[in-house]
Amino acid sequence: MADVKLQLGERGRGAFYLEENDEKLGEMVIGISGTALTVYHTEVDPKHEGKGLAKLMFEAMIKYVRDNNLTLIPLCQYVHAQLKRHPELYEDIWKK
């Protein structure tokens, strides 16, 4: 299984993504401004849906937020649903 990677531009825009054999399997589009990380969109290639790839990117993003003392703004429906499912796990980082 591919590892989740982070690509960030100079202005704090980028994505967590999964790639295998030069094929992009999925990405989570983010932006960082000040002390907040905003997740805009999560997408997995339809050929690879149902394999837990979105969850892998979600977990990598959560770790990054915590490791860098950021707060999380979930504009992405997938991320927001994960936070709502278990709010007690994310109350330390979720900026409501």
PDB file of N, CA and C in Angstrom:
ATOM      1  N   MET A   1       0.841  -1.188   0.000  1.00  0.00           N
ATOM      2  CA  MET A   1       0.000   0.000   0.000  1.00  0.00           C
ATOM      3  C   MET A   1       0.880   1.243   0.000  1.00  0.00           C
ATOM      4  N   ALA A   2       0.452   2.255  -0.702  1.00  0.00           N
ATOM      5  CA  ALA A   2       1.196   3.500  -0.811  1.00  0.00           C
ATOM      6  C   ALA A   2       1.143   4.287   0.496  1.00  0.00           C
ATOM      7  N   ASP A   3       2.196   5.050   0.745  1.00  0.00           N
ATOM      8  CA  ASP A   3       2.239   5.923   1.920  1.00  0.00           C
ATOM      9  C   ASP A   3       1.591   7.256   1.579  1.00  0.00           C
ATOM     10  N   VAL A   4       1.015   7.885   2.596  1.00  0.00           N
ATOM     11  CA  VAL A   4       0.438   9.211   2.416  1.00  0.00           C
ATOM     12  C   VAL A   4       1.583  10.221   2.409  1.00  0.00           C
ATOM     13  N   LYS A   5       1.563  11.107   1.438  1.00  0.00           N
ATOM     14  CA  LYS A   5       2.576  12.158   1.317  1.00  0.00           C
ATOM     15  C   LYS A   5       1.894  13.511   1.401  1.00  0.00           C
ATOM     16  N   LEU A   6       2.662  14.512   1.771  1.00  0.00           N
ATOM     17  CA  LEU A   6       2.150  15.880   1.839  1.00  0.00           C
ATOM     18  C   LEU A   6       2.945  16.750   0.879  1.00  0.00           C
ATOM     19  N   GLN A   7       2.226  17.503   0.074  1.00  0.00           N
ATOM     20  CA  GLN A   7       2.847  18.466  -0.820  1.00  0.00           C
ATOM     21  C   GLN A   7       2.270  19.831  -0.465  1.00  0.00           C
ATOM     22  N   LEU A   8       3.152  20.753  -0.035  1.00  0.00           N
ATOM     23  CA  LEU A   8       2.722  22.094   0.346  1.00  0.00           C
ATOM     24  C   LEU A   8       3.481  23.127  -0.476  1.00  0.00           C
ATOM     25  N   GLY A   9       2.751  24.102  -0.988  1.00  0.00           N
ATOM     26  CA  GLY A   9       3.381  25.198  -1.703  1.00  0.00           C
ATOM     27  C   GLY A   9       3.813  26.290  -0.732  1.00  0.00           C
ATOM     28  N   GLU A  10       4.463  27.300  -1.260  1.00  0.00           N
ATOM     29  CA  GLU A  10       4.969  28.399  -0.448  1.00  0.00           C
ATOM     30  C   GLU A  10       3.878  29.119   0.331  1.00  0.00           C
ATOM     31  N   ARG A  11       2.703  29.188  -0.203  1.00  0.00           N
ATOM     32  CA  ARG A  11       1.611  29.939   0.423  1.00  0.00           C
ATOM     33  C   ARG A  11       0.706  29.063   1.292  1.00  0.00           C
ATOM     34  N   GLY A  12       1.170  27.871   1.635  1.00  0.00           N
ATOM     35  CA  GLY A  12       0.408  27.009   2.526  1.00  0.00           C
ATOM     36  C   GLY A  12      -0.716  26.243   1.864  1.00  0.00           C
ATOM     37  N   ARG A  13      -0.721  26.172   0.555  1.00  0.00           N
ATOM     38  CA  ARG A  13      -1.746  25.418  -0.178  1.00  0.00           C
ATOM     39  C   ARG A  13      -1.133  24.105  -0.645  1.00  0.00           C
ATOM     40  N   GLY A  14      -1.933  23.047  -0.601  1.00  0.00           N
ATOM     41  CA  GLY A  14      -1.404  21.770  -1.052  1.00  0.00           C
ATOM     42  C   GLY A  14      -2.373  20.641  -0.811  1.00  0.00           C
ATOM     43  N   ALA A  15      -1.803  19.443  -0.606  1.00  0.00           N
ATOM     44  CA  ALA A  15      -2.645  18.261  -0.444  1.00  0.00           C
ATOM     45  C   ALA A  15      -1.868  17.121   0.195  1.00  0.00           C
ATOM     46  N   PHE A  16      -2.596  16.331   0.935  1.00  0.00           N
ATOM     47  CA  PHE A  16      -2.120  15.006   1.325  1.00  0.00           C
ATOM     48  C   PHE A  16      -2.541  14.121   0.171  1.00  0.00           C
ATOM     49  N   TYR A  17      -1.680  13.206  -0.246  1.00  0.00           N
ATOM     50  CA  TYR A  17      -2.050  12.377  -1.387  1.00  0.00           C
ATOM     51  C   TYR A  17      -1.428  10.991  -1.288  1.00  0.00           C
ATOM     52  N   LEU A  18      -2.012  10.090  -2.040  1.00  0.00           N
ATOM     53  CA  LEU A  18      -1.527   8.716  -2.172  1.00  0.00           C
ATOM     54  C   LEU A  18      -1.215   8.467  -3.627  1.00  0.00           C
ATOM     55  N   GLU A  19      -0.055   7.891  -3.872  1.00  0.00           N
ATOM     56  CA  GLU A  19       0.375   7.607  -5.233  1.00  0.00           C
ATOM     57  C   GLU A  19       1.031   6.238  -5.243  1.00  0.00           C
ATOM     58  N   GLU A  20       0.750   5.483  -6.285  1.00  0.00           N
ATOM     59  CA  GLU A  20       1.355   4.164  -6.420  1.00  0.00           C
ATOM     60  C   GLU A  20       1.662   3.940  -7.891  1.00  0.00           C
ATOM     61  N   ASN A  21       2.908   3.570  -8.209  1.00  0.00           N
ATOM     62  CA  ASN A  21       3.320   3.360  -9.603  1.00  0.00           C
ATOM     63  C   ASN A  21       2.978   4.560 -10.481  1.00  0.00           C
ATOM     64  N   ASP A  22       3.273   5.759  -9.983  1.00  0.00           N
ATOM     65  CA  ASP A  22       3.019   7.016 -10.698  1.00  0.00           C
ATOM     66  C   ASP A  22       1.540   7.278 -10.984  1.00  0.00           C
ATOM     67  N   GLU A  23       0.658   6.612 -10.251  1.00  0.00           N
ATOM     68  CA  GLU A  23      -0.784   6.831 -10.397  1.00  0.00           C
ATOM     69  C   GLU A  23      -1.303   7.437  -9.104  1.00  0.00           C
ATOM     70  N   LYS A  24      -2.002   8.573  -9.215  1.00  0.00           N
ATOM     71  CA  LYS A  24      -2.586   9.202  -8.034  1.00  0.00           C
ATOM     72  C   LYS A  24      -3.843   8.426  -7.647  1.00  0.00           C
ATOM     73  N   LEU A  25      -3.849   7.911  -6.418  1.00  0.00           N
ATOM     74  CA  LEU A  25      -4.982   7.128  -5.925  1.00  0.00           C
ATOM     75  C   LEU A  25      -6.013   8.005  -5.234  1.00  0.00           C
ATOM     76  N   GLY A  26      -5.547   9.080  -4.622  1.00  0.00           N
ATOM     77  CA  GLY A  26      -6.455   9.979  -3.930  1.00  0.00           C
ATOM     78  C   GLY A  26      -5.727  11.185  -3.397  1.00  0.00           C
ATOM     79  N   GLU A  27      -6.512  12.227  -3.057  1.00  0.00           N
ATOM     80  CA  GLU A  27      -5.917  13.411  -2.468  1.00  0.00           C
ATOM     81  C   GLU A  27      -6.900  14.112  -1.548  1.00  0.00           C
ATOM     82  N   MET A  28      -6.331  14.832  -0.584  1.00  0.00           N
ATOM     83  CA  MET A  28      -7.078  15.637   0.363  1.00  0.00           C
ATOM     84  C   MET A  28      -6.512  17.055   0.241  1.00  0.00           C
ATOM     85  N   VAL A  29      -7.291  17.946  -0.334  1.00  0.00           N
ATOM     86  CA  VAL A  29      -6.840  19.304  -0.613  1.00  0.00           C
ATOM     87  C   VAL A  29      -6.951  20.151   0.647  1.00  0.00           C
ATOM     88  N   ILE A  30      -5.832  20.835   0.988  1.00  0.00           N
ATOM     89  CA  ILE A  30      -5.775  21.609   2.231  1.00  0.00           C
ATOM     90  C   ILE A  30      -5.181  22.993   1.990  1.00  0.00           C
ATOM     91  N   GLY A  31      -5.340  23.827   2.995  1.00  0.00           N
ATOM     92  CA  GLY A  31      -4.677  25.114   3.048  1.00  0.00           C
ATOM     93  C   GLY A  31      -4.329  25.396   4.495  1.00  0.00           C
ATOM     94  N   ILE A  32      -3.172  25.996   4.724  1.00  0.00           N
ATOM     95  CA  ILE A  32      -2.758  26.353   6.075  1.00  0.00           C
ATOM     96  C   ILE A  32      -2.589  27.858   6.129  1.00  0.00           C
ATOM     97  N   SER A  33      -3.243  28.464   7.099  1.00  0.00           N
ATOM     98  CA  SER A  33      -3.156  29.906   7.302  1.00  0.00           C
ATOM     99  C   SER A  33      -3.028  30.156   8.791  1.00  0.00           C
ATOM    100  N   GLY A  34      -1.914  30.746   9.194  1.00  0.00           N
ATOM    101  CA  GLY A  34      -1.692  30.977  10.616  1.00  0.00           C
ATOM    102  C   GLY A  34      -1.609  29.660  11.354  1.00  0.00           C
ATOM    103  N   THR A  35      -2.512  29.472  12.315  1.00  0.00           N
ATOM    104  CA  THR A  35      -2.506  28.245  13.115  1.00  0.00           C
ATOM    105  C   THR A  35      -3.644  27.304  12.750  1.00  0.00           C
ATOM    106  N   ALA A  36      -4.248  27.520  11.588  1.00  0.00           N
ATOM    107  CA  ALA A  36      -5.380  26.683  11.182  1.00  0.00           C
ATOM    108  C   ALA A  36      -5.093  25.962   9.872  1.00  0.00           C
ATOM    109  N   LEU A  37      -5.475  24.696   9.848  1.00  0.00           N
ATOM    110  CA  LEU A  37      -5.436  23.899   8.624  1.00  0.00           C
ATOM    111  C   LEU A  37      -6.873  23.683   8.184  1.00  0.00           C
ATOM    112  N   THR A  38      -7.177  24.069   6.965  1.00  0.00           N
ATOM    113  CA  THR A  38      -8.516  23.894   6.402  1.00  0.00           C
ATOM    114  C   THR A  38      -8.468  22.766   5.386  1.00  0.00           C
ATOM    115  N   VAL A  39      -9.409  21.823   5.508  1.00  0.00           N
ATOM    116  CA  VAL A  39      -9.535  20.756   4.519  1.00  0.00           C
ATOM    117  C   VAL A  39     -10.707  21.124   3.621  1.00  0.00           C
ATOM    118  N   TYR A  40     -10.420  21.230   2.318  1.00  0.00           N
ATOM    119  CA  TYR A  40     -11.432  21.651   1.356  1.00  0.00           C
ATOM    120  C   TYR A  40     -12.137  20.494   0.673  1.00  0.00           C
ATOM    121  N   HIS A  41     -11.381  19.447   0.378  1.00  0.00           N
ATOM    122  CA  HIS A  41     -11.965  18.378  -0.439  1.00  0.00           C
ATOM    123  C   HIS A  41     -11.130  17.108  -0.296  1.00  0.00           C
ATOM    124  N   THR A  42     -11.813  15.972  -0.252  1.00  0.00           N
ATOM    125  CA  THR A  42     -11.146  14.669  -0.251  1.00  0.00           C
ATOM    126  C   THR A  42     -11.722  13.857  -1.398  1.00  0.00           C
ATOM    127  N   GLU A  43     -10.822  13.252  -2.173  1.00  0.00           N
ATOM    128  CA  GLU A  43     -11.281  12.463  -3.319  1.00  0.00           C
ATOM    129  C   GLU A  43     -10.387  11.249  -3.505  1.00  0.00           C
ATOM    130  N   VAL A  44     -11.031  10.112  -3.799  1.00  0.00           N
ATOM    131  CA  VAL A  44     -10.311   8.878  -4.101  1.00  0.00           C
ATOM    132  C   VAL A  44     -10.734   8.444  -5.500  1.00  0.00           C
ATOM    133  N   ASP A  45      -9.761   8.029  -6.298  1.00  0.00           N
ATOM    134  CA  ASP A  45     -10.040   7.543  -7.644  1.00  0.00           C
ATOM    135  C   ASP A  45     -11.100   6.443  -7.540  1.00  0.00           C
ATOM    136  N   PRO A  46     -12.150   6.516  -8.350  1.00  0.00           N
ATOM    137  CA  PRO A  46     -13.225   5.514  -8.280  1.00  0.00           C
ATOM    138  C   PRO A  46     -12.739   4.062  -8.358  1.00  0.00           C
ATOM    139  N   LYS A  47     -11.637   3.824  -9.058  1.00  0.00           N
ATOM    140  CA  LYS A  47     -11.102   2.456  -9.163  1.00  0.00           C
ATOM    141  C   LYS A  47     -10.572   1.953  -7.823  1.00  0.00           C
ATOM    142  N   HIS A  48     -10.327   2.867  -6.889  1.00  0.00           N
ATOM    143  CA  HIS A  48      -9.713   2.496  -5.619  1.00  0.00           C
ATOM    144  C   HIS A  48     -10.609   2.775  -4.416  1.00  0.00           C
ATOM    145  N   GLU A  49     -11.869   3.064  -4.658  1.00  0.00           N
ATOM    146  CA  GLU A  49     -12.798   3.313  -3.554  1.00  0.00           C
ATOM    147  C   GLU A  49     -13.019   2.040  -2.755  1.00  0.00           C
ATOM    148  N   GLY A  50     -13.351   2.218  -1.493  1.00  0.00           N
ATOM    149  CA  GLY A  50     -13.654   1.081  -0.631  1.00  0.00           C
ATOM    150  C   GLY A  50     -12.439   0.383  -0.058  1.00  0.00           C
ATOM    151  N   LYS A  51     -11.262   0.978  -0.210  1.00  0.00           N
ATOM    152  CA  LYS A  51     -10.030   0.366   0.297  1.00  0.00           C
ATOM    153  C   LYS A  51      -9.482   1.089   1.522  1.00  0.00           C
ATOM    154  N   GLY A  52     -10.233   2.063   2.037  1.00  0.00           N
ATOM    155  CA  GLY A  52      -9.792   2.796   3.216  1.00  0.00           C
ATOM    156  C   GLY A  52      -8.765   3.877   2.935  1.00  0.00           C
ATOM    157  N   LEU A  53      -8.644   4.299   1.684  1.00  0.00           N
ATOM    158  CA  LEU A  53      -7.635   5.294   1.339  1.00  0.00           C
ATOM    159  C   LEU A  53      -7.956   6.672   1.911  1.00  0.00           C
ATOM    160  N   ALA A  54      -9.225   7.056   1.900  1.00  0.00           N
ATOM    161  CA  ALA A  54      -9.607   8.349   2.478  1.00  0.00           C
ATOM    162  C   ALA A  54      -9.279   8.363   3.969  1.00  0.00           C
ATOM    163  N   LYS A  55      -9.513   7.267   4.635  1.00  0.00           N
ATOM    164  CA  LYS A  55      -9.209   7.163   6.070  1.00  0.00           C
ATOM    165  C   LYS A  55      -7.705   7.296   6.318  1.00  0.00           C
ATOM    166  N   LEU A  56      -6.882   6.723   5.449  1.00  0.00           N
ATOM    167  CA  LEU A  56      -5.424   6.861   5.589  1.00  0.00           C
ATOM    168  C   LEU A  56      -5.006   8.323   5.479  1.00  0.00           C
ATOM    169  N   MET A  57      -5.571   9.041   4.517  1.00  0.00           N
ATOM    170  CA  MET A  57      -5.240  10.456   4.367  1.00  0.00           C
ATOM    171  C   MET A  57      -5.760  11.257   5.554  1.00  0.00           C
ATOM    172  N   PHE A  58      -6.954  10.912   6.030  1.00  0.00           N
ATOM    173  CA  PHE A  58      -7.530  11.578   7.196  1.00  0.00           C
ATOM    174  C   PHE A  58      -6.617  11.417   8.415  1.00  0.00           C
ATOM    175  N   GLU A  59      -6.160  10.202   8.657  1.00  0.00           N
ATOM    176  CA  GLU A  59      -5.297   9.949   9.812  1.00  0.00           C
ATOM    177  C   GLU A  59      -3.963  10.688   9.698  1.00  0.00           C
ATOM    178  N   ALA A  60      -3.399  10.754   8.500  1.00  0.00           N
ATOM    179  CA  ALA A  60      -2.145  11.486   8.292  1.00  0.00           C
ATOM    180  C   ALA A  60      -2.359  12.983   8.529  1.00  0.00           C
ATOM    181  N   MET A  61      -3.491  13.500   8.075  1.00  0.00           N
ATOM    182  CA  MET A  61      -3.805  14.916   8.263  1.00  0.00           C
ATOM    183  C   MET A  61      -3.982  15.229   9.744  1.00  0.00           C
ATOM    184  N   ILE A  62      -4.703  14.379  10.468  1.00  0.00           N
ATOM    185  CA  ILE A  62      -4.913  14.583  11.914  1.00  0.00           C
ATOM    186  C   ILE A  62      -3.569  14.589  12.636  1.00  0.00           C
ATOM    187  N   LYS A  63      -2.701  13.661  12.303  1.00  0.00           N
ATOM    188  CA  LYS A  63      -1.371  13.606  12.927  1.00  0.00           C
ATOM    189  C   LYS A  63      -0.599  14.890  12.634  1.00  0.00           C
ATOM    190  N   TYR A  64      -0.653  15.367  11.414  1.00  0.00           N
ATOM    191  CA  TYR A  64       0.046  16.597  11.035  1.00  0.00           C
ATOM    192  C   TYR A  64      -0.492  17.782  11.837  1.00  0.00           C
ATOM    193  N   VAL A  65      -1.804  17.877  11.958  1.00  0.00           N
ATOM    194  CA  VAL A  65      -2.426  18.970  12.716  1.00  0.00           C
ATOM    195  C   VAL A  65      -1.929  18.952  14.157  1.00  0.00           C
ATOM    196  N   ARG A  66      -1.957  17.791  14.775  1.00  0.00           N
ATOM    197  CA  ARG A  66      -1.518  17.685  16.176  1.00  0.00           C
ATOM    198  C   ARG A  66      -0.015  17.931  16.322  1.00  0.00           C
ATOM    199  N   ASP A  67       0.775  17.352  15.445  1.00  0.00           N
ATOM    200  CA  ASP A  67       2.228  17.512  15.519  1.00  0.00           C
ATOM    201  C   ASP A  67       2.657  18.969  15.355  1.00  0.00           C
ATOM    202  N   ASN A  68       1.855  19.751  14.655  1.00  0.00           N
ATOM    203  CA  ASN A  68       2.207  21.137  14.377  1.00  0.00           C
ATOM    204  C   ASN A  68       1.361  22.145  15.169  1.00  0.00           C
ATOM    205  N   ASN A  69       0.648  21.637  16.182  1.00  0.00           N
ATOM    206  CA  ASN A  69      -0.169  22.484  17.068  1.00  0.00           C
ATOM    207  C   ASN A  69      -1.117  23.399  16.296  1.00  0.00           C
ATOM    208  N   LEU A  70      -1.808  22.812  15.331  1.00  0.00           N
ATOM    209  CA  LEU A  70      -2.760  23.550  14.516  1.00  0.00           C
ATOM    210  C   LEU A  70      -4.183  23.235  14.966  1.00  0.00           C
ATOM    211  N   THR A  71      -5.123  24.055  14.513  1.00  0.00           N
ATOM    212  CA  THR A  71      -6.535  23.730  14.656  1.00  0.00           C
ATOM    213  C   THR A  71      -7.040  23.311  13.274  1.00  0.00           C
ATOM    214  N   LEU A  72      -8.172  22.627  13.267  1.00  0.00           N
ATOM    215  CA  LEU A  72      -8.700  22.042  12.035  1.00  0.00           C
ATOM    216  C   LEU A  72     -10.043  22.657  11.682  1.00  0.00           C
ATOM    217  N   ILE A  73     -10.151  23.118  10.433  1.00  0.00           N
ATOM    218  CA  ILE A  73     -11.411  23.635   9.899  1.00  0.00           C
ATOM    219  C   ILE A  73     -11.856  22.674   8.798  1.00  0.00           C
ATOM    220  N   PRO A  74     -12.912  21.881   9.062  1.00  0.00           N
ATOM    221  CA  PRO A  74     -13.342  20.842   8.110  1.00  0.00           C
ATOM    222  C   PRO A  74     -14.411  21.319   7.129  1.00  0.00           C
ATOM    223  N   LEU A  75     -14.017  21.927   6.028  1.00  0.00           N
ATOM    224  CA  LEU A  75     -14.991  22.316   5.010  1.00  0.00           C
ATOM    225  C   LEU A  75     -15.362  21.126   4.121  1.00  0.00           C
ATOM    226  N   CYS A  76     -14.535  20.124   4.108  1.00  0.00           N
ATOM    227  CA  CYS A  76     -14.770  18.894   3.351  1.00  0.00           C
ATOM    228  C   CYS A  76     -15.837  18.056   4.055  1.00  0.00           C
ATOM    229  N   GLN A  77     -16.811  17.569   3.298  1.00  0.00           N
ATOM    230  CA  GLN A  77     -17.894  16.766   3.876  1.00  0.00           C
ATOM    231  C   GLN A  77     -17.377  15.490   4.534  1.00  0.00           C
ATOM    232  N   TYR A  78     -16.416  14.833   3.914  1.00  0.00           N
ATOM    233  CA  TYR A  78     -15.881  13.590   4.469  1.00  0.00           C
ATOM    234  C   TYR A  78     -15.226  13.846   5.824  1.00  0.00           C
ATOM    235  N   VAL A  79     -14.373  14.845   5.892  1.00  0.00           N
ATOM    236  CA  VAL A  79     -13.669  15.147   7.149  1.00  0.00           C
ATOM    237  C   VAL A  79     -14.663  15.578   8.214  1.00  0.00           C
ATOM    238  N   HIS A  80     -15.615  16.420   7.853  1.00  0.00           N
ATOM    239  CA  HIS A  80     -16.616  16.873   8.817  1.00  0.00           C
ATOM    240  C   HIS A  80     -17.411  15.690   9.372  1.00  0.00           C
ATOM    241  N   ALA A  81     -17.766  14.756   8.518  1.00  0.00           N
ATOM    242  CA  ALA A  81     -18.505  13.566   8.962  1.00  0.00           C
ATOM    243  C   ALA A  81     -17.668  12.734   9.937  1.00  0.00           C
ATOM    244  N   GLN A  82     -16.365  12.604   9.680  1.00  0.00           N
ATOM    245  CA  GLN A  82     -15.498  11.846  10.589  1.00  0.00           C
ATOM    246  C   GLN A  82     -15.434  12.519  11.960  1.00  0.00           C
ATOM    247  N   LEU A  83     -15.330  13.842  11.975  1.00  0.00           N
ATOM    248  CA  LEU A  83     -15.262  14.573  13.242  1.00  0.00           C
ATOM    249  C   LEU A  83     -16.580  14.459  14.005  1.00  0.00           C
ATOM    250  N   LYS A  84     -17.701  14.571  13.303  1.00  0.00           N
ATOM    251  CA  LYS A  84     -19.011  14.472  13.953  1.00  0.00           C
ATOM    252  C   LYS A  84     -19.265  13.085  14.517  1.00  0.00           C
ATOM    253  N   ARG A  85     -18.706  12.064  13.870  1.00  0.00           N
ATOM    254  CA  ARG A  85     -18.894  10.685  14.310  1.00  0.00           C
ATOM    255  C   ARG A  85     -18.255  10.443  15.679  1.00  0.00           C
ATOM    256  N   HIS A  86     -17.102  11.071  15.915  1.00  0.00           N
ATOM    257  CA  HIS A  86     -16.367  10.877  17.174  1.00  0.00           C
ATOM    258  C   HIS A  86     -15.813  12.214  17.672  1.00  0.00           C
ATOM    259  N   PRO A  87     -16.689  13.158  18.040  1.00  0.00           N
ATOM    260  CA  PRO A  87     -16.210  14.493  18.417  1.00  0.00           C
ATOM    261  C   PRO A  87     -15.242  14.485  19.599  1.00  0.00           C
ATOM    262  N   GLU A  88     -15.395  13.537  20.494  1.00  0.00           N
ATOM    263  CA  GLU A  88     -14.518  13.480  21.669  1.00  0.00           C
ATOM    264  C   GLU A  88     -13.064  13.203  21.292  1.00  0.00           C
ATOM    265  N   LEU A  89     -12.836  12.560  20.161  1.00  0.00           N
ATOM    266  CA  LEU A  89     -11.473  12.259  19.728  1.00  0.00           C
ATOM    267  C   LEU A  89     -10.765  13.470  19.126  1.00  0.00           C
ATOM    268  N   TYR A  90     -11.545  14.471  18.736  1.00  0.00           N
ATOM    269  CA  TYR A  90     -10.970  15.592  17.993  1.00  0.00           C
ATOM    270  C   TYR A  90     -11.235  16.946  18.646  1.00  0.00           C
ATOM    271  N   GLU A  91     -11.803  16.954  19.846  1.00  0.00           N
ATOM    272  CA  GLU A  91     -12.169  18.237  20.476  1.00  0.00           C
ATOM    273  C   GLU A  91     -10.947  19.127  20.723  1.00  0.00           C
ATOM    274  N   ASP A  92      -9.768  18.523  20.817  1.00  0.00           N
ATOM    275  CA  ASP A  92      -8.549  19.306  21.041  1.00  0.00           C
ATOM    276  C   ASP A  92      -8.106  20.093  19.805  1.00  0.00           C
ATOM    277  N   ILE A  93      -8.586  19.709  18.627  1.00  0.00           N
ATOM    278  CA  ILE A  93      -8.101  20.361  17.395  1.00  0.00           C
ATOM    279  C   ILE A  93      -9.226  20.950  16.534  1.00  0.00           C
ATOM    280  N   TRP A  94     -10.472  20.506  16.747  1.00  0.00           N
ATOM    281  CA  TRP A  94     -11.580  20.906  15.890  1.00  0.00           C
ATOM    282  C   TRP A  94     -11.983  22.346  16.188  1.00  0.00           C
ATOM    283  N   LYS A  95     -11.834  23.216  15.204  1.00  0.00           N
ATOM    284  CA  LYS A  95     -12.232  24.610  15.338  1.00  0.00           C
ATOM    285  C   LYS A  95     -13.657  24.728  14.817  1.00  0.00           C
ATOM    286  N   LYS A  96     -14.613  24.846  15.731  1.00  0.00           N
ATOM    287  CA  LYS A  96     -16.029  24.879  15.357  1.00  0.00           C
ATOM    288  C   LYS A  96     -16.504  26.297  15.124  1.00  0.00           C
TER     289      LYS A  96
END
